[in-house]
């Protein structure tokens, strides 16, 4: 039986009462963070952490980072944006030997681990009470896997993981509405060039 992560999010929010703890939210891109921020800033003091060394080429990384800034300025200008820098070599090293894996396979697992472990480490170092990610808003991502990786990272670094499946309750559809409303750039591949190739062959399409 699959875990209903939206119900777990509900339980966490209910437990907060009137408190507004600090949440470091890993963002994969502006479009995915749109609904995530609209929703989570109601309950947490959110800072966005842009750590995505998987994005290739670097020009694409810069474009997505600027889109993230555009979204925050339009939707929630009080939210802090922390950019961890490009650092594409860390993804290259993590993906070594996994270049031929299918999309959604072992290379993607390693990519999620890389980004969420770094987010947990950053959250612990900066004194955040919670950390989470926007990754589960995508219908192309395995929420069970992402939450499992996040839970393990939380245990490793001693910070609390926010369980979530942000695509639920119309979250993905709302992210599309917000992206269109703010005229956000919506990429047609996840990030690495290995993911771009099969998308191009299939005719592409937004991956927000």
C-alpha atoms as a PDB file:
ATOM      1  CA  UNK A   1       0.000   0.000   0.000  1.00  0.00           C
ATOM      2  CA  UNK A   2       1.438   3.368  -1.028  1.00  0.00           C
ATOM      3  CA  UNK A   3       1.942   6.097   1.544  1.00  0.00           C
ATOM      4  CA  UNK A   4      -0.276   9.156   1.187  1.00  0.00           C
ATOM      5  CA  UNK A   5       2.328  11.872   1.670  1.00  0.00           C
ATOM      6  CA  UNK A   6      -0.221  14.673   1.401  1.00  0.00           C
ATOM      7  CA  UNK A   7      -1.854  13.363   4.566  1.00  0.00           C
ATOM      8  CA  UNK A   8       1.557  13.356   6.241  1.00  0.00           C
ATOM      9  CA  UNK A   9       2.032  16.987   5.203  1.00  0.00           C
ATOM     10  CA  UNK A  10      -1.384  17.780   6.666  1.00  0.00           C
ATOM     11  CA  UNK A  11      -0.388  16.145   9.948  1.00  0.00           C
ATOM     12  CA  UNK A  12       2.867  18.145  10.140  1.00  0.00           C
ATOM     13  CA  UNK A  13       1.045  21.424   9.454  1.00  0.00           C
ATOM     14  CA  UNK A  14      -1.606  20.634  12.066  1.00  0.00           C
ATOM     15  CA  UNK A  15       1.114  19.901  14.636  1.00  0.00           C
ATOM     16  CA  UNK A  16       2.646  23.351  14.105  1.00  0.00           C
ATOM     17  CA  UNK A  17      -0.291  25.199  15.604  1.00  0.00           C
ATOM     18  CA  UNK A  18       0.483  28.910  15.496  1.00  0.00           C
ATOM     19  CA  UNK A  19       4.222  28.349  15.106  1.00  0.00           C
ATOM     20  CA  UNK A  20       6.004  29.187  11.836  1.00  0.00           C
ATOM     21  CA  UNK A  21       9.238  27.178  11.794  1.00  0.00           C
ATOM     22  CA  UNK A  22      11.990  27.841   9.274  1.00  0.00           C
ATOM     23  CA  UNK A  23      11.945  25.604   6.197  1.00  0.00           C
ATOM     24  CA  UNK A  24      14.767  25.302   3.676  1.00  0.00           C
ATOM     25  CA  UNK A  25      13.020  24.347   0.461  1.00  0.00           C
ATOM     26  CA  UNK A  26      15.144  22.811  -2.259  1.00  0.00           C
ATOM     27  CA  UNK A  27      13.850  24.068  -5.599  1.00  0.00           C
ATOM     28  CA  UNK A  28      14.528  22.330  -8.887  1.00  0.00           C
ATOM     29  CA  UNK A  29      13.129  25.258 -10.914  1.00  0.00           C
ATOM     30  CA  UNK A  30      10.847  28.284 -10.782  1.00  0.00           C
ATOM     31  CA  UNK A  31       7.722  26.606 -12.206  1.00  0.00           C
ATOM     32  CA  UNK A  32       7.878  23.711  -9.749  1.00  0.00           C
ATOM     33  CA  UNK A  33       8.392  26.096  -6.848  1.00  0.00           C
ATOM     34  CA  UNK A  34       5.405  28.293  -7.754  1.00  0.00           C
ATOM     35  CA  UNK A  35       2.593  26.307  -6.135  1.00  0.00           C
ATOM     36  CA  UNK A  36       5.036  24.883  -3.580  1.00  0.00           C
ATOM     37  CA  UNK A  37       5.763  28.400  -2.300  1.00  0.00           C
ATOM     38  CA  UNK A  38       2.152  29.540  -2.509  1.00  0.00           C
ATOM     39  CA  UNK A  39       1.195  26.587  -0.316  1.00  0.00           C
ATOM     40  CA  UNK A  40       4.099  26.248   2.115  1.00  0.00           C
ATOM     41  CA  UNK A  41       4.615  29.948   2.896  1.00  0.00           C
ATOM     42  CA  UNK A  42       1.208  29.842   4.581  1.00  0.00           C
ATOM     43  CA  UNK A  43       2.713  27.637   7.293  1.00  0.00           C
ATOM     44  CA  UNK A  44       6.511  28.070   7.291  1.00  0.00           C
ATOM     45  CA  UNK A  45       9.091  30.821   7.038  1.00  0.00           C
ATOM     46  CA  UNK A  46      10.564  29.540   3.789  1.00  0.00           C
ATOM     47  CA  UNK A  47      13.972  30.088   2.234  1.00  0.00           C
ATOM     48  CA  UNK A  48      14.533  28.675  -1.266  1.00  0.00           C
ATOM     49  CA  UNK A  49      17.712  26.678  -1.857  1.00  0.00           C
ATOM     50  CA  UNK A  50      18.703  26.446  -5.515  1.00  0.00           C
ATOM     51  CA  UNK A  51      21.128  23.546  -5.696  1.00  0.00           C
ATOM     52  CA  UNK A  52      20.973  21.757  -9.047  1.00  0.00           C
ATOM     53  CA  UNK A  53      24.403  20.729 -10.350  1.00  0.00           C
ATOM     54  CA  UNK A  54      22.622  18.315 -12.686  1.00  0.00           C
ATOM     55  CA  UNK A  55      21.425  21.152 -14.930  1.00  0.00           C
ATOM     56  CA  UNK A  56      23.358  21.188 -18.197  1.00  0.00           C
ATOM     57  CA  UNK A  57      24.698  23.202 -19.908  1.00  0.00           C
ATOM     58  CA  UNK A  58      25.653  26.031 -17.539  1.00  0.00           C
ATOM     59  CA  UNK A  59      23.705  28.543 -19.635  1.00  0.00           C
ATOM     60  CA  UNK A  60      20.569  26.520 -18.908  1.00  0.00           C
ATOM     61  CA  UNK A  61      21.393  26.618 -15.183  1.00  0.00           C
ATOM     62  CA  UNK A  62      21.670  30.427 -15.331  1.00  0.00           C
ATOM     63  CA  UNK A  63      18.367  30.706 -17.188  1.00  0.00           C
ATOM     64  CA  UNK A  64      16.542  28.548 -14.643  1.00  0.00           C
ATOM     65  CA  UNK A  65      18.088  30.443 -11.732  1.00  0.00           C
ATOM     66  CA  UNK A  66      16.904  33.734 -13.225  1.00  0.00           C
ATOM     67  CA  UNK A  67      13.432  32.237 -13.643  1.00  0.00           C
ATOM     68  CA  UNK A  68      13.531  31.290  -9.966  1.00  0.00           C
ATOM     69  CA  UNK A  69      14.364  34.898  -9.059  1.00  0.00           C
ATOM     70  CA  UNK A  70      11.568  36.136 -11.328  1.00  0.00           C
ATOM     71  CA  UNK A  71       9.038  33.884  -9.615  1.00  0.00           C
ATOM     72  CA  UNK A  72      10.046  34.888  -6.082  1.00  0.00           C
ATOM     73  CA  UNK A  73       9.952  38.591  -6.941  1.00  0.00           C
ATOM     74  CA  UNK A  74       6.448  38.248  -8.378  1.00  0.00           C
ATOM     75  CA  UNK A  75       4.877  35.787  -5.928  1.00  0.00           C
ATOM     76  CA  UNK A  76       6.636  36.118  -2.564  1.00  0.00           C
ATOM     77  CA  UNK A  77       9.231  38.909  -2.552  1.00  0.00           C
ATOM     78  CA  UNK A  78      10.053  38.406   1.131  1.00  0.00           C
ATOM     79  CA  UNK A  79      11.373  34.885   0.556  1.00  0.00           C
ATOM     80  CA  UNK A  80      15.153  34.451   0.667  1.00  0.00           C
ATOM     81  CA  UNK A  81      16.880  32.755  -2.273  1.00  0.00           C
ATOM     82  CA  UNK A  82      20.099  30.858  -1.575  1.00  0.00           C
ATOM     83  CA  UNK A  83      22.076  29.897  -4.671  1.00  0.00           C
ATOM     84  CA  UNK A  84      24.712  27.234  -4.000  1.00  0.00           C
ATOM     85  CA  UNK A  85      26.465  27.896  -7.308  1.00  0.00           C
ATOM     86  CA  UNK A  86      26.671  25.785 -10.435  1.00  0.00           C
ATOM     87  CA  UNK A  87      29.094  23.014  -9.423  1.00  0.00           C
ATOM     88  CA  UNK A  88      28.334  20.746 -12.374  1.00  0.00           C
ATOM     89  CA  UNK A  89      31.390  18.612 -11.630  1.00  0.00           C
ATOM     90  CA  UNK A  90      29.676  17.135  -8.562  1.00  0.00           C
ATOM     91  CA  UNK A  91      26.866  15.765 -10.721  1.00  0.00           C
ATOM     92  CA  UNK A  92      29.298  14.492 -13.345  1.00  0.00           C
ATOM     93  CA  UNK A  93      31.124  12.564 -10.652  1.00  0.00           C
ATOM     94  CA  UNK A  94      27.906  11.255  -9.100  1.00  0.00           C
ATOM     95  CA  UNK A  95      26.614  10.072 -12.495  1.00  0.00           C
ATOM     96  CA  UNK A  96      29.869   8.408 -13.535  1.00  0.00           C
ATOM     97  CA  UNK A  97      29.155   4.895 -14.804  1.00  0.00           C
ATOM     98  CA  UNK A  98      25.406   5.595 -14.914  1.00  0.00           C
ATOM     99  CA  UNK A  99      25.336   7.622 -18.103  1.00  0.00           C
ATOM    100  CA  UNK A 100      23.440   4.930 -20.020  1.00  0.00           C
ATOM    101  CA  UNK A 101      20.748   4.406 -17.386  1.00  0.00           C
ATOM    102  CA  UNK A 102      17.157   5.007 -18.524  1.00  0.00           C
ATOM    103  CA  UNK A 103      15.364   8.102 -17.315  1.00  0.00           C
ATOM    104  CA  UNK A 104      14.011   7.412 -13.827  1.00  0.00           C
ATOM    105  CA  UNK A 105      16.700   4.791 -13.157  1.00  0.00           C
ATOM    106  CA  UNK A 106      19.809   4.612 -10.986  1.00  0.00           C
ATOM    107  CA  UNK A 107      21.286   7.857 -12.311  1.00  0.00           C
ATOM    108  CA  UNK A 108      18.191   9.776 -11.233  1.00  0.00           C
ATOM    109  CA  UNK A 109      18.300   8.144  -7.798  1.00  0.00           C
ATOM    110  CA  UNK A 110      21.884   9.329  -7.371  1.00  0.00           C
ATOM    111  CA  UNK A 111      20.887  12.803  -8.558  1.00  0.00           C
ATOM    112  CA  UNK A 112      18.100  13.028  -5.961  1.00  0.00           C
ATOM    113  CA  UNK A 113      20.497  11.841  -3.271  1.00  0.00           C
ATOM    114  CA  UNK A 114      23.090  14.423  -4.251  1.00  0.00           C
ATOM    115  CA  UNK A 115      20.664  17.333  -4.120  1.00  0.00           C
ATOM    116  CA  UNK A 116      18.680  16.341  -1.030  1.00  0.00           C
ATOM    117  CA  UNK A 117      21.730  15.428   1.040  1.00  0.00           C
ATOM    118  CA  UNK A 118      23.252  18.805   0.234  1.00  0.00           C
ATOM    119  CA  UNK A 119      19.987  20.515   1.198  1.00  0.00           C
ATOM    120  CA  UNK A 120      19.863  18.662   4.511  1.00  0.00           C
ATOM    121  CA  UNK A 121      23.495  19.554   5.192  1.00  0.00           C
ATOM    122  CA  UNK A 122      22.807  23.224   4.393  1.00  0.00           C
ATOM    123  CA  UNK A 123      19.670  23.278   6.536  1.00  0.00           C
ATOM    124  CA  UNK A 124      21.519  21.828   9.512  1.00  0.00           C
ATOM    125  CA  UNK A 125      24.413  24.238   9.069  1.00  0.00           C
ATOM    126  CA  UNK A 126      22.136  27.289   8.912  1.00  0.00           C
ATOM    127  CA  UNK A 127      19.901  26.238  11.792  1.00  0.00           C
ATOM    128  CA  UNK A 128      16.730  25.467   9.856  1.00  0.00           C
ATOM    129  CA  UNK A 129      14.237  23.261  11.660  1.00  0.00           C
ATOM    130  CA  UNK A 130      12.883  21.638   8.485  1.00  0.00           C
ATOM    131  CA  UNK A 131      13.884  20.971   4.895  1.00  0.00           C
ATOM    132  CA  UNK A 132      11.940  19.804   1.872  1.00  0.00           C
ATOM    133  CA  UNK A 133      11.897  19.841  -1.919  1.00  0.00           C
ATOM    134  CA  UNK A 134       9.724  20.869  -4.837  1.00  0.00           C
ATOM    135  CA  UNK A 135      10.632  17.702  -6.760  1.00  0.00           C
ATOM    136  CA  UNK A 136       7.428  15.831  -5.884  1.00  0.00           C
ATOM    137  CA  UNK A 137       5.230  18.299  -7.766  1.00  0.00           C
ATOM    138  CA  UNK A 138       6.283  16.766 -11.084  1.00  0.00           C
ATOM    139  CA  UNK A 139       4.183  13.856 -12.393  1.00  0.00           C
ATOM    140  CA  UNK A 140       7.456  12.496 -13.834  1.00  0.00           C
ATOM    141  CA  UNK A 141       9.007  12.037 -10.365  1.00  0.00           C
ATOM    142  CA  UNK A 142       8.577   9.147  -7.912  1.00  0.00           C
ATOM    143  CA  UNK A 143       7.312  10.722  -4.680  1.00  0.00           C
ATOM    144  CA  UNK A 144       7.866   7.516  -2.682  1.00  0.00           C
ATOM    145  CA  UNK A 145      11.526   7.440  -3.710  1.00  0.00           C
ATOM    146  CA  UNK A 146      12.095  11.152  -3.089  1.00  0.00           C
ATOM    147  CA  UNK A 147      10.541  10.998   0.371  1.00  0.00           C
ATOM    148  CA  UNK A 148      12.634   7.945   1.218  1.00  0.00           C
ATOM    149  CA  UNK A 149      15.821   9.779   0.225  1.00  0.00           C
ATOM    150  CA  UNK A 150      14.757  12.886   2.126  1.00  0.00           C
ATOM    151  CA  UNK A 151      14.048  10.861   5.265  1.00  0.00           C
ATOM    152  CA  UNK A 152      17.489   9.240   5.106  1.00  0.00           C
ATOM    153  CA  UNK A 153      19.175  12.630   4.635  1.00  0.00           C
ATOM    154  CA  UNK A 154      17.252  14.012   7.616  1.00  0.00           C
ATOM    155  CA  UNK A 155      18.546  11.212   9.823  1.00  0.00           C
ATOM    156  CA  UNK A 156      22.100  11.733   8.570  1.00  0.00           C
ATOM    157  CA  UNK A 157      22.194  15.485   9.241  1.00  0.00           C
ATOM    158  CA  UNK A 158      19.822  15.802  12.189  1.00  0.00           C
ATOM    159  CA  UNK A 159      17.209  18.068  10.615  1.00  0.00           C
ATOM    160  CA  UNK A 160      13.507  17.356  10.046  1.00  0.00           C
ATOM    161  CA  UNK A 161      12.247  16.297   6.610  1.00  0.00           C
ATOM    162  CA  UNK A 162       8.897  17.621   5.385  1.00  0.00           C
ATOM    163  CA  UNK A 163       7.107  14.668   3.755  1.00  0.00           C
ATOM    164  CA  UNK A 164       5.119  15.755   0.739  1.00  0.00           C
ATOM    165  CA  UNK A 165       3.608  14.886  -2.604  1.00  0.00           C
ATOM    166  CA  UNK A 166       3.009  18.374  -3.928  1.00  0.00           C
ATOM    167  CA  UNK A 167       1.299  17.260  -7.129  1.00  0.00           C
ATOM    168  CA  UNK A 168      -1.730  16.216  -5.055  1.00  0.00           C
ATOM    169  CA  UNK A 169      -4.865  18.343  -4.651  1.00  0.00           C
ATOM    170  CA  UNK A 170      -4.268  20.021  -7.975  1.00  0.00           C
ATOM    171  CA  UNK A 171      -0.756  21.188  -7.078  1.00  0.00           C
ATOM    172  CA  UNK A 172       0.743  20.390 -10.464  1.00  0.00           C
ATOM    173  CA  UNK A 173      -2.122  22.065 -12.325  1.00  0.00           C
ATOM    174  CA  UNK A 174      -1.817  25.129 -10.088  1.00  0.00           C
ATOM    175  CA  UNK A 175       1.906  25.328 -10.843  1.00  0.00           C
ATOM    176  CA  UNK A 176       1.080  25.493 -14.567  1.00  0.00           C
ATOM    177  CA  UNK A 177      -1.467  28.255 -13.946  1.00  0.00           C
ATOM    178  CA  UNK A 178       1.023  30.298 -11.921  1.00  0.00           C
ATOM    179  CA  UNK A 179       3.792  29.721 -14.454  1.00  0.00           C
ATOM    180  CA  UNK A 180       1.561  31.019 -17.228  1.00  0.00           C
ATOM    181  CA  UNK A 181       0.370  33.940 -15.128  1.00  0.00           C
ATOM    182  CA  UNK A 182       3.937  35.070 -14.396  1.00  0.00           C
ATOM    183  CA  UNK A 183       5.236  34.157 -17.878  1.00  0.00           C
ATOM    184  CA  UNK A 184       7.854  31.789 -16.493  1.00  0.00           C
ATOM    185  CA  UNK A 185      10.249  29.855 -18.682  1.00  0.00           C
ATOM    186  CA  UNK A 186       9.252  26.168 -18.521  1.00  0.00           C
ATOM    187  CA  UNK A 187      12.012  23.807 -19.579  1.00  0.00           C
ATOM    188  CA  UNK A 188      11.363  20.713 -21.702  1.00  0.00           C
ATOM    189  CA  UNK A 189      13.820  18.393 -19.939  1.00  0.00           C
ATOM    190  CA  UNK A 190      14.606  17.642 -16.326  1.00  0.00           C
ATOM    191  CA  UNK A 191      18.145  18.954 -16.190  1.00  0.00           C
ATOM    192  CA  UNK A 192      21.008  16.753 -17.339  1.00  0.00           C
ATOM    193  CA  UNK A 193      21.749  16.220 -21.007  1.00  0.00           C
ATOM    194  CA  UNK A 194      21.032  12.496 -20.593  1.00  0.00           C
ATOM    195  CA  UNK A 195      17.416  13.408 -19.839  1.00  0.00           C
ATOM    196  CA  UNK A 196      17.257  15.897 -22.720  1.00  0.00           C
ATOM    197  CA  UNK A 197      17.984  13.295 -25.418  1.00  0.00           C
ATOM    198  CA  UNK A 198      14.919  11.040 -24.940  1.00  0.00           C
ATOM    199  CA  UNK A 199      12.650  14.072 -24.510  1.00  0.00           C
ATOM    200  CA  UNK A 200      13.903  15.526 -27.795  1.00  0.00           C
ATOM    201  CA  UNK A 201      13.295  12.216 -29.524  1.00  0.00           C
ATOM    202  CA  UNK A 202       9.756  12.109 -28.223  1.00  0.00           C
ATOM    203  CA  UNK A 203       9.011  15.650 -29.297  1.00  0.00           C
ATOM    204  CA  UNK A 204       9.805  17.362 -26.001  1.00  0.00           C
ATOM    205  CA  UNK A 205       7.240  19.025 -23.765  1.00  0.00           C
ATOM    206  CA  UNK A 206       7.419  20.988 -20.513  1.00  0.00           C
ATOM    207  CA  UNK A 207       8.893  19.208 -17.490  1.00  0.00           C
ATOM    208  CA  UNK A 208       7.793  21.678 -14.817  1.00  0.00           C
END
